[in-house]
């Protein structure tokens, strides 16, 4: 596997690895972390990326159910995850900066899985717009659901005239 990594790095340098490219890092954080720790971890990853490149777009941590169980083995044993905090950051960086970010993602113990893909600035901007649209749709649906349940709650709280006469 190390030979493959070396070949990719050499190939990247031959193609102009010093030239900035756009990447998107999507990652899952441990779902059992406290909310403050999730924010700190996300901010640390974001700061590391900003120190070597330029952030184009991002999606802050959102707890989601996973489509399948992710098992992670480490010195403490094996842990299974059925949910995680999902985050993503699109960034522009040169070859050595990208290597630094990839190494950081591998070594961060609170990241249970990540994917770092080459992208474009347009795709990253589109991802941010789509995330905003989905968030707005979810908010609207929640508000409609809350509004639909309010009349039922009011009807239960207001006693009927027949009930008052019986009392």
Protein backbone atom coordinates (compact mmCIF):
# COMPACT_ATOMS: atom_id res chain seq x y z
CA UNK A 1 0.00 0.00 0.00
CA UNK A 2 2.86 2.38 0.71
CA UNK A 3 4.08 1.95 -2.86
CA UNK A 4 0.67 3.05 -4.15
CA UNK A 5 0.78 6.17 -1.99
CA UNK A 6 4.27 7.01 -3.23
CA UNK A 7 3.17 6.51 -6.83
CA UNK A 8 0.22 8.86 -6.31
CA UNK A 9 2.41 11.52 -4.75
CA UNK A 10 4.99 11.27 -7.53
CA UNK A 11 2.24 11.33 -10.16
CA UNK A 12 0.72 14.38 -8.50
CA UNK A 13 4.04 16.19 -8.51
CA UNK A 14 4.64 15.37 -12.16
CA UNK A 15 1.24 16.87 -12.98
CA UNK A 16 2.08 20.03 -11.04
CA UNK A 17 1.52 19.14 -7.37
CA UNK A 18 2.60 22.65 -6.37
CA UNK A 19 -0.46 23.99 -8.20
CA UNK A 20 -3.50 24.57 -5.93
CA UNK A 21 -6.42 22.20 -6.35
CA UNK A 22 -9.85 21.96 -4.76
CA UNK A 23 -10.67 19.04 -2.47
CA UNK A 24 -13.62 18.12 -0.30
CA UNK A 25 -13.04 16.40 3.04
CA UNK A 26 -16.14 14.66 4.39
CA UNK A 27 -15.80 13.05 7.81
CA UNK A 28 -17.73 11.35 10.60
CA UNK A 29 -17.02 12.25 14.21
CA UNK A 30 -17.70 9.97 17.18
CA UNK A 31 -21.42 10.21 18.04
CA UNK A 32 -20.76 9.79 21.76
CA UNK A 33 -18.72 12.99 22.03
CA UNK A 34 -20.31 15.86 23.96
CA UNK A 35 -21.56 18.70 21.74
CA UNK A 36 -18.74 21.01 22.91
CA UNK A 37 -16.11 18.42 22.00
CA UNK A 38 -17.68 17.95 18.55
CA UNK A 39 -17.47 21.70 17.94
CA UNK A 40 -13.85 21.82 19.18
CA UNK A 41 -12.82 18.91 16.97
CA UNK A 42 -14.55 20.39 13.92
CA UNK A 43 -12.91 23.77 14.59
CA UNK A 44 -9.49 22.14 15.00
CA UNK A 45 -9.86 20.37 11.63
CA UNK A 46 -11.10 23.59 10.05
CA UNK A 47 -8.18 25.58 11.52
CA UNK A 48 -5.66 23.00 10.28
CA UNK A 49 -7.10 23.24 6.76
CA UNK A 50 -7.16 27.05 6.88
CA UNK A 51 -3.51 27.11 7.98
CA UNK A 52 -2.35 25.40 4.77
CA UNK A 53 -5.09 26.31 2.28
CA UNK A 54 -8.24 28.30 1.59
CA UNK A 55 -11.69 27.15 2.74
CA UNK A 56 -14.28 27.43 -0.04
CA UNK A 57 -17.39 25.96 1.59
CA UNK A 58 -18.29 23.88 4.62
CA UNK A 59 -21.00 21.97 6.39
CA UNK A 60 -20.91 22.06 10.17
CA UNK A 61 -21.46 18.90 12.27
CA UNK A 62 -24.90 17.32 12.09
CA UNK A 63 -25.76 14.09 13.91
CA UNK A 64 -27.08 11.51 11.47
CA UNK A 65 -27.96 7.82 11.55
CA UNK A 66 -25.52 5.76 9.50
CA UNK A 67 -26.71 3.56 6.64
CA UNK A 68 -24.59 0.73 8.03
CA UNK A 69 -22.59 0.05 11.17
CA UNK A 70 -19.01 1.31 11.16
CA UNK A 71 -16.61 -0.73 13.30
CA UNK A 72 -13.41 0.90 14.51
CA UNK A 73 -10.61 -1.03 16.20
CA UNK A 74 -7.96 0.68 18.28
CA UNK A 75 -5.86 -0.02 21.37
CA UNK A 76 -8.95 0.20 23.60
CA UNK A 77 -10.76 -2.48 21.56
CA UNK A 78 -13.49 -2.46 18.93
CA UNK A 79 -16.34 0.04 18.83
CA UNK A 80 -19.40 -0.04 16.61
CA UNK A 81 -21.10 3.15 15.44
CA UNK A 82 -24.69 3.38 14.15
CA UNK A 83 -24.73 7.19 14.15
CA UNK A 84 -22.14 9.93 13.83
CA UNK A 85 -21.69 13.66 13.44
CA UNK A 86 -21.17 14.33 9.73
CA UNK A 87 -19.15 17.38 8.61
CA UNK A 88 -17.52 18.46 5.38
CA UNK A 89 -15.09 21.14 4.29
CA UNK A 90 -14.21 22.08 0.71
CA UNK A 91 -10.82 23.71 0.40
CA UNK A 92 -8.15 24.75 -2.07
CA UNK A 93 -4.57 23.72 -1.35
CA UNK A 94 -1.32 22.71 -3.05
CA UNK A 95 0.13 19.17 -2.98
CA UNK A 96 2.18 19.39 0.23
CA UNK A 97 -0.74 21.08 2.05
CA UNK A 98 -3.06 18.30 0.92
CA UNK A 99 -0.65 15.71 2.29
CA UNK A 100 -0.67 17.55 5.65
CA UNK A 101 -4.48 17.55 5.76
CA UNK A 102 -4.72 13.85 4.83
CA UNK A 103 -2.23 12.93 7.56
CA UNK A 104 -4.13 15.02 10.12
CA UNK A 105 -7.43 13.29 9.24
CA UNK A 106 -5.82 9.84 9.58
CA UNK A 107 -4.32 10.68 12.97
CA UNK A 108 -7.35 12.42 14.55
CA UNK A 109 -8.79 9.78 16.91
CA UNK A 110 -12.25 11.38 17.05
CA UNK A 111 -12.70 11.03 13.27
CA UNK A 112 -14.13 7.54 12.76
CA UNK A 113 -14.19 7.69 8.95
CA UNK A 114 -13.31 10.24 6.28
CA UNK A 115 -13.25 10.68 2.54
CA UNK A 116 -11.06 13.27 0.84
CA UNK A 117 -11.88 13.74 -2.84
CA UNK A 118 -10.75 16.09 -5.56
CA UNK A 119 -13.49 18.53 -6.51
CA UNK A 120 -14.03 21.93 -8.10
CA UNK A 121 -14.98 25.28 -6.62
CA UNK A 122 -18.33 25.15 -8.46
CA UNK A 123 -19.16 21.72 -7.03
CA UNK A 124 -18.24 22.86 -3.52
CA UNK A 125 -20.41 25.96 -3.83
CA UNK A 126 -23.27 23.83 -5.15
CA UNK A 127 -22.91 21.44 -2.19
CA UNK A 128 -23.19 24.37 0.22
CA UNK A 129 -26.30 25.67 -1.58
CA UNK A 130 -27.90 22.20 -1.54
CA UNK A 131 -27.16 21.80 2.16
CA UNK A 132 -28.83 25.14 2.86
CA UNK A 133 -31.88 24.13 0.79
CA UNK A 134 -32.22 20.81 2.64
CA UNK A 135 -31.81 22.52 6.02
CA UNK A 136 -34.50 25.06 5.11
CA UNK A 137 -36.84 22.30 3.88
CA UNK A 138 -36.32 20.35 7.12
CA UNK A 139 -37.03 23.49 9.17
CA UNK A 140 -40.20 24.22 7.19
CA UNK A 141 -41.39 20.62 7.58
CA UNK A 142 -40.77 20.78 11.34
CA UNK A 143 -42.67 24.07 11.62
CA UNK A 144 -45.60 22.62 9.64
CA UNK A 145 -45.60 19.53 11.85
CA UNK A 146 -45.57 21.69 14.99
CA UNK A 147 -48.40 23.88 13.62
CA UNK A 148 -50.49 20.82 12.76
CA UNK A 149 -50.17 19.43 16.28
CA UNK A 150 -51.08 22.75 18.01
CA UNK A 151 -54.87 22.65 17.32
CA UNK A 152 -55.04 19.15 18.80
CA UNK A 153 -53.30 20.34 21.96
CA UNK A 154 -55.62 23.38 22.23
CA UNK A 155 -58.71 21.20 21.77
CA UNK A 156 -57.61 18.97 24.63
CA UNK A 157 -56.88 21.91 26.92
CA UNK A 158 -60.24 23.71 26.42
CA UNK A 159 -63.07 21.97 28.32
CA UNK A 160 -66.29 21.42 26.39
CA UNK A 161 -69.53 23.16 27.53
CA UNK A 162 -71.09 19.76 28.26
CA UNK A 163 -68.24 18.91 30.61
CA UNK A 164 -68.73 22.22 32.48
CA UNK A 165 -72.49 21.55 32.95
CA UNK A 166 -71.82 18.09 34.31
CA UNK A 167 -69.46 19.54 36.93
